[in-house]
N, C-alpha and C. Protein backbone atom coordinates (compact mmCIF):
# COMPACT_ATOMS: atom_id res chain seq x y z
N MET A 1 50.73 -34.70 110.32
CA MET A 1 51.72 -35.71 110.04
C MET A 1 51.82 -35.99 108.55
N LEU A 2 50.68 -35.99 107.84
CA LEU A 2 50.69 -36.24 106.41
C LEU A 2 51.48 -35.16 105.67
N VAL A 3 51.31 -33.91 106.07
CA VAL A 3 52.03 -32.81 105.43
C VAL A 3 53.52 -32.95 105.67
N LEU A 4 53.91 -33.31 106.89
CA LEU A 4 55.33 -33.51 107.20
C LEU A 4 55.91 -34.65 106.38
N ASP A 5 55.17 -35.74 106.26
CA ASP A 5 55.64 -36.88 105.45
C ASP A 5 55.80 -36.48 103.98
N LEU A 6 54.83 -35.74 103.46
CA LEU A 6 54.94 -35.30 102.08
C LEU A 6 56.12 -34.36 101.87
N ALA A 7 56.33 -33.46 102.82
CA ALA A 7 57.46 -32.53 102.72
C ALA A 7 58.79 -33.29 102.79
N LEU A 8 58.88 -34.26 103.70
CA LEU A 8 60.10 -35.06 103.80
C LEU A 8 60.32 -35.87 102.52
N ARG A 9 59.27 -36.45 101.99
CA ARG A 9 59.39 -37.22 100.75
C ARG A 9 59.88 -36.32 99.62
N PHE A 10 59.35 -35.11 99.56
CA PHE A 10 59.77 -34.16 98.54
C PHE A 10 61.25 -33.80 98.70
N LEU A 11 61.66 -33.48 99.92
CA LEU A 11 63.05 -33.10 100.17
C LEU A 11 64.02 -34.26 99.94
N ILE A 12 63.69 -35.41 100.48
CA ILE A 12 64.57 -36.58 100.32
C ILE A 12 64.62 -36.98 98.85
N GLY A 13 63.47 -37.03 98.22
CA GLY A 13 63.41 -37.39 96.80
C GLY A 13 64.21 -36.43 95.94
N GLY A 14 64.08 -35.14 96.20
CA GLY A 14 64.82 -34.15 95.42
C GLY A 14 66.32 -34.28 95.62
N ALA A 15 66.74 -34.49 96.86
CA ALA A 15 68.17 -34.63 97.14
C ALA A 15 68.74 -35.88 96.47
N VAL A 16 68.01 -36.98 96.57
CA VAL A 16 68.51 -38.22 96.00
C VAL A 16 68.46 -38.18 94.47
N VAL A 17 67.44 -37.57 93.90
CA VAL A 17 67.39 -37.42 92.44
C VAL A 17 68.60 -36.62 91.97
N SER A 18 68.93 -35.57 92.69
CA SER A 18 70.08 -34.76 92.32
C SER A 18 71.37 -35.57 92.38
N LEU A 19 71.53 -36.35 93.44
CA LEU A 19 72.73 -37.19 93.56
C LEU A 19 72.82 -38.22 92.45
N PHE A 20 71.72 -38.90 92.17
CA PHE A 20 71.72 -39.90 91.11
C PHE A 20 71.90 -39.25 89.74
N SER A 21 71.37 -38.07 89.55
CA SER A 21 71.57 -37.37 88.28
C SER A 21 73.03 -37.01 88.08
N LEU A 22 73.67 -36.56 89.15
CA LEU A 22 75.10 -36.27 89.05
C LEU A 22 75.89 -37.54 88.72
N LEU A 23 75.54 -38.63 89.36
CA LEU A 23 76.20 -39.90 89.09
C LEU A 23 75.97 -40.33 87.64
N GLY A 24 74.73 -40.24 87.17
CA GLY A 24 74.42 -40.60 85.81
C GLY A 24 75.11 -39.70 84.80
N ASP A 25 75.26 -38.43 85.14
CA ASP A 25 75.93 -37.49 84.24
C ASP A 25 77.42 -37.77 84.16
N ALA A 26 77.99 -38.29 85.23
CA ALA A 26 79.42 -38.57 85.25
C ALA A 26 79.78 -39.85 84.50
N LEU A 27 78.81 -40.75 84.34
CA LEU A 27 79.07 -42.03 83.67
C LEU A 27 78.82 -41.94 82.17
N LYS A 28 79.45 -42.84 81.47
CA LYS A 28 79.24 -42.96 80.03
C LYS A 28 78.58 -44.31 79.79
N PRO A 29 77.66 -44.51 78.93
CA PRO A 29 76.97 -43.55 78.10
C PRO A 29 75.97 -42.74 78.91
N LYS A 30 75.51 -41.66 78.34
CA LYS A 30 74.60 -40.76 79.05
C LYS A 30 73.23 -41.37 79.29
N SER A 31 72.93 -42.48 78.65
CA SER A 31 71.63 -43.12 78.87
C SER A 31 71.50 -43.66 80.29
N PHE A 32 72.60 -43.80 81.02
CA PHE A 32 72.53 -44.23 82.41
C PHE A 32 71.86 -43.19 83.30
N ALA A 33 71.86 -41.94 82.89
CA ALA A 33 71.30 -40.88 83.71
C ALA A 33 69.84 -41.16 84.07
N GLY A 34 69.05 -41.62 83.11
CA GLY A 34 67.65 -41.91 83.38
C GLY A 34 67.47 -43.06 84.35
N ILE A 35 68.33 -44.04 84.25
CA ILE A 35 68.25 -45.19 85.14
C ILE A 35 68.53 -44.76 86.57
N PHE A 36 69.53 -43.92 86.75
CA PHE A 36 69.93 -43.51 88.09
C PHE A 36 69.04 -42.42 88.67
N ALA A 37 68.19 -41.80 87.87
CA ALA A 37 67.43 -40.67 88.37
C ALA A 37 66.05 -41.03 88.90
N ALA A 38 65.48 -42.14 88.51
CA ALA A 38 64.07 -42.36 88.80
C ALA A 38 63.80 -43.32 89.96
N ALA A 39 63.84 -44.59 89.69
CA ALA A 39 63.36 -45.60 90.65
C ALA A 39 64.08 -45.61 91.99
N PRO A 40 65.39 -45.54 92.04
CA PRO A 40 66.04 -45.58 93.36
C PRO A 40 65.60 -44.44 94.28
N THR A 41 65.31 -43.31 93.70
CA THR A 41 64.91 -42.16 94.49
C THR A 41 63.61 -42.41 95.22
N ILE A 42 62.64 -42.88 94.50
CA ILE A 42 61.33 -43.13 95.09
C ILE A 42 61.43 -44.23 96.14
N ALA A 43 62.18 -45.28 95.84
CA ALA A 43 62.31 -46.38 96.79
C ALA A 43 62.98 -45.93 98.08
N LEU A 44 64.05 -45.18 97.98
CA LEU A 44 64.76 -44.72 99.18
C LEU A 44 63.91 -43.79 100.02
N ALA A 45 63.23 -42.86 99.38
CA ALA A 45 62.36 -41.94 100.13
C ALA A 45 61.22 -42.70 100.80
N THR A 46 60.63 -43.65 100.09
CA THR A 46 59.53 -44.43 100.65
C THR A 46 60.01 -45.27 101.84
N LEU A 47 61.15 -45.92 101.70
CA LEU A 47 61.67 -46.74 102.81
C LEU A 47 62.01 -45.89 104.03
N PHE A 48 62.57 -44.71 103.81
CA PHE A 48 62.91 -43.83 104.93
C PHE A 48 61.66 -43.42 105.70
N LEU A 49 60.64 -43.02 104.97
CA LEU A 49 59.40 -42.60 105.64
C LEU A 49 58.67 -43.78 106.28
N THR A 50 58.74 -44.94 105.66
CA THR A 50 58.06 -46.11 106.19
C THR A 50 58.73 -46.60 107.47
N ILE A 51 60.04 -46.52 107.54
CA ILE A 51 60.73 -46.97 108.75
C ILE A 51 60.34 -46.09 109.94
N ARG A 52 60.11 -44.82 109.69
CA ARG A 52 59.67 -43.92 110.76
C ARG A 52 58.27 -44.27 111.24
N ALA A 53 57.42 -44.66 110.29
CA ALA A 53 56.02 -44.90 110.63
C ALA A 53 55.75 -46.31 111.14
N HIS A 54 56.45 -47.32 110.59
CA HIS A 54 56.10 -48.71 110.88
C HIS A 54 57.20 -49.56 111.48
N GLY A 55 58.44 -49.09 111.45
CA GLY A 55 59.52 -49.86 112.04
C GLY A 55 60.30 -50.69 111.02
N ALA A 56 61.40 -51.24 111.51
CA ALA A 56 62.35 -51.95 110.64
C ALA A 56 61.80 -53.26 110.08
N ALA A 57 61.03 -53.99 110.85
CA ALA A 57 60.50 -55.27 110.38
C ALA A 57 59.59 -55.08 109.17
N TYR A 58 58.74 -54.07 109.25
CA TYR A 58 57.83 -53.78 108.15
C TYR A 58 58.62 -53.35 106.91
N VAL A 59 59.65 -52.52 107.11
CA VAL A 59 60.46 -52.02 106.00
C VAL A 59 61.23 -53.16 105.34
N SER A 60 61.66 -54.14 106.12
CA SER A 60 62.40 -55.25 105.51
C SER A 60 61.51 -56.02 104.54
N VAL A 61 60.24 -56.19 104.87
CA VAL A 61 59.30 -56.85 103.96
C VAL A 61 59.08 -56.00 102.72
N GLU A 62 58.94 -54.70 102.91
CA GLU A 62 58.75 -53.80 101.77
C GLU A 62 59.97 -53.80 100.86
N ALA A 63 61.16 -53.75 101.43
CA ALA A 63 62.39 -53.74 100.64
C ALA A 63 62.55 -55.05 99.86
N ARG A 64 62.22 -56.15 100.51
CA ARG A 64 62.28 -57.44 99.84
C ARG A 64 61.32 -57.49 98.66
N SER A 65 60.15 -56.91 98.84
CA SER A 65 59.17 -56.86 97.75
C SER A 65 59.67 -55.99 96.61
N MET A 66 60.35 -54.90 96.93
CA MET A 66 60.92 -54.05 95.89
C MET A 66 61.99 -54.80 95.10
N ILE A 67 62.78 -55.60 95.77
CA ILE A 67 63.83 -56.38 95.10
C ILE A 67 63.19 -57.40 94.16
N VAL A 68 62.14 -58.06 94.61
CA VAL A 68 61.45 -59.04 93.77
C VAL A 68 60.85 -58.35 92.54
N GLY A 69 60.25 -57.19 92.74
CA GLY A 69 59.71 -56.45 91.61
C GLY A 69 60.78 -56.04 90.61
N ALA A 70 61.94 -55.65 91.12
CA ALA A 70 63.05 -55.28 90.24
C ALA A 70 63.58 -56.48 89.47
N LEU A 71 63.69 -57.62 90.14
CA LEU A 71 64.13 -58.84 89.44
C LEU A 71 63.14 -59.25 88.35
N ALA A 72 61.86 -59.18 88.68
CA ALA A 72 60.83 -59.52 87.70
C ALA A 72 60.86 -58.54 86.53
N PHE A 73 61.08 -57.26 86.82
CA PHE A 73 61.17 -56.27 85.75
C PHE A 73 62.38 -56.54 84.86
N PHE A 74 63.49 -56.96 85.45
CA PHE A 74 64.68 -57.27 84.67
C PHE A 74 64.41 -58.39 83.68
N VAL A 75 63.73 -59.44 84.14
CA VAL A 75 63.38 -60.56 83.25
C VAL A 75 62.45 -60.06 82.14
N TYR A 76 61.47 -59.25 82.50
CA TYR A 76 60.54 -58.68 81.52
C TYR A 76 61.29 -57.83 80.50
N ALA A 77 62.19 -56.97 80.96
CA ALA A 77 62.95 -56.10 80.06
C ALA A 77 63.83 -56.92 79.11
N CYS A 78 64.43 -57.99 79.62
CA CYS A 78 65.23 -58.86 78.77
C CYS A 78 64.37 -59.55 77.71
N ALA A 79 63.17 -59.98 78.10
CA ALA A 79 62.26 -60.63 77.15
C ALA A 79 61.82 -59.65 76.07
N VAL A 80 61.46 -58.45 76.47
CA VAL A 80 61.04 -57.43 75.49
C VAL A 80 62.20 -57.10 74.56
N SER A 81 63.37 -56.92 75.12
CA SER A 81 64.56 -56.60 74.31
C SER A 81 64.85 -57.71 73.30
N PHE A 82 64.77 -58.95 73.75
CA PHE A 82 65.02 -60.09 72.86
C PHE A 82 64.02 -60.10 71.71
N ILE A 83 62.75 -59.95 72.04
CA ILE A 83 61.70 -59.97 71.01
C ILE A 83 61.89 -58.82 70.02
N LEU A 84 62.22 -57.64 70.54
CA LEU A 84 62.40 -56.48 69.66
C LEU A 84 63.59 -56.67 68.72
N MET A 85 64.67 -57.21 69.24
CA MET A 85 65.86 -57.39 68.40
C MET A 85 65.69 -58.55 67.43
N ARG A 86 65.02 -59.58 67.83
CA ARG A 86 64.89 -60.80 67.01
C ARG A 86 63.85 -60.64 65.90
N PHE A 87 62.66 -60.11 66.26
CA PHE A 87 61.55 -60.08 65.32
C PHE A 87 61.18 -58.69 64.82
N ARG A 88 61.68 -57.65 65.47
CA ARG A 88 61.44 -56.25 65.11
C ARG A 88 59.96 -55.86 65.04
N PRO A 89 59.14 -56.25 66.00
CA PRO A 89 57.74 -55.79 66.01
C PRO A 89 57.68 -54.36 66.59
N PRO A 90 56.51 -53.74 66.59
CA PRO A 90 56.37 -52.43 67.23
C PRO A 90 56.67 -52.53 68.74
N ALA A 91 57.40 -51.55 69.26
CA ALA A 91 57.85 -51.60 70.65
C ALA A 91 56.69 -51.58 71.64
N LEU A 92 55.72 -50.71 71.42
CA LEU A 92 54.59 -50.61 72.35
C LEU A 92 53.79 -51.91 72.39
N LYS A 93 53.57 -52.49 71.24
CA LYS A 93 52.83 -53.76 71.16
C LYS A 93 53.58 -54.87 71.90
N SER A 94 54.88 -54.96 71.69
CA SER A 94 55.69 -55.99 72.35
C SER A 94 55.68 -55.81 73.86
N ALA A 95 55.88 -54.58 74.28
CA ALA A 95 55.91 -54.30 75.72
C ALA A 95 54.57 -54.63 76.37
N ALA A 96 53.49 -54.29 75.71
CA ALA A 96 52.16 -54.56 76.26
C ALA A 96 51.85 -56.06 76.29
N ILE A 97 52.18 -56.76 75.22
CA ILE A 97 51.88 -58.19 75.15
C ILE A 97 52.70 -58.99 76.16
N LEU A 98 53.93 -58.56 76.41
CA LEU A 98 54.79 -59.29 77.34
C LEU A 98 54.63 -58.86 78.80
N MET A 99 53.74 -57.92 79.09
CA MET A 99 53.52 -57.48 80.47
C MET A 99 53.18 -58.63 81.42
N PRO A 100 52.43 -59.64 80.99
CA PRO A 100 52.18 -60.77 81.89
C PRO A 100 53.45 -61.51 82.32
N VAL A 101 54.53 -61.40 81.54
CA VAL A 101 55.79 -62.02 81.95
C VAL A 101 56.26 -61.41 83.27
N TRP A 102 56.17 -60.09 83.37
CA TRP A 102 56.57 -59.40 84.60
C TRP A 102 55.74 -59.92 85.79
N CYS A 103 54.44 -59.97 85.60
CA CYS A 103 53.55 -60.44 86.67
C CYS A 103 53.82 -61.89 87.03
N ALA A 104 54.02 -62.73 86.02
CA ALA A 104 54.24 -64.16 86.27
C ALA A 104 55.56 -64.39 87.01
N VAL A 105 56.60 -63.69 86.62
CA VAL A 105 57.89 -63.86 87.30
C VAL A 105 57.80 -63.38 88.74
N ALA A 106 57.16 -62.24 88.96
CA ALA A 106 57.00 -61.74 90.33
C ALA A 106 56.18 -62.72 91.17
N ALA A 107 55.11 -63.26 90.60
CA ALA A 107 54.27 -64.22 91.32
C ALA A 107 55.05 -65.51 91.62
N ALA A 108 55.85 -65.95 90.66
CA ALA A 108 56.64 -67.18 90.88
C ALA A 108 57.68 -66.97 91.97
N ILE A 109 58.35 -65.83 91.95
CA ILE A 109 59.34 -65.57 93.00
C ILE A 109 58.65 -65.50 94.36
N TRP A 110 57.51 -64.84 94.41
CA TRP A 110 56.77 -64.77 95.67
C TRP A 110 56.36 -66.17 96.14
N ALA A 111 55.85 -66.98 95.23
CA ALA A 111 55.34 -68.30 95.60
C ALA A 111 56.45 -69.22 96.09
N PHE A 112 57.62 -69.14 95.49
CA PHE A 112 58.68 -70.07 95.84
C PHE A 112 59.68 -69.53 96.85
N TRP A 113 59.74 -68.20 97.02
CA TRP A 113 60.79 -67.65 97.88
C TRP A 113 60.23 -66.88 99.07
N LEU A 114 59.24 -66.02 98.83
CA LEU A 114 58.78 -65.12 99.89
C LEU A 114 57.65 -65.68 100.73
N ARG A 115 56.81 -66.50 100.16
CA ARG A 115 55.65 -67.01 100.90
C ARG A 115 56.11 -67.94 102.00
N ARG A 116 55.61 -67.72 103.19
CA ARG A 116 55.99 -68.58 104.32
C ARG A 116 54.80 -68.97 105.12
């Protein structure tokens, strides 16, 4: 079963990466290609395989968690972008120092929205 799951993940991931790459290539600016090629592919393949193994209820919790992580990442990316444009520090240093922002936002969303 593990080999079948890995093969399906590989096939689904490859197909979805190709689709998102085509979409990213068709859009302007070309920097969208990287956005469309990575994260959605892994999430879709993971959700597809998880629904087969655990059912829809389990997948709904997983998908909700992915959405919270994406929202928290968006806030983190905005904070890093603001700091980089405003103060012009080194990018790696800024990204590393602001990493707790991502964790704090995800924890806050979980505490106020997801926890029941």
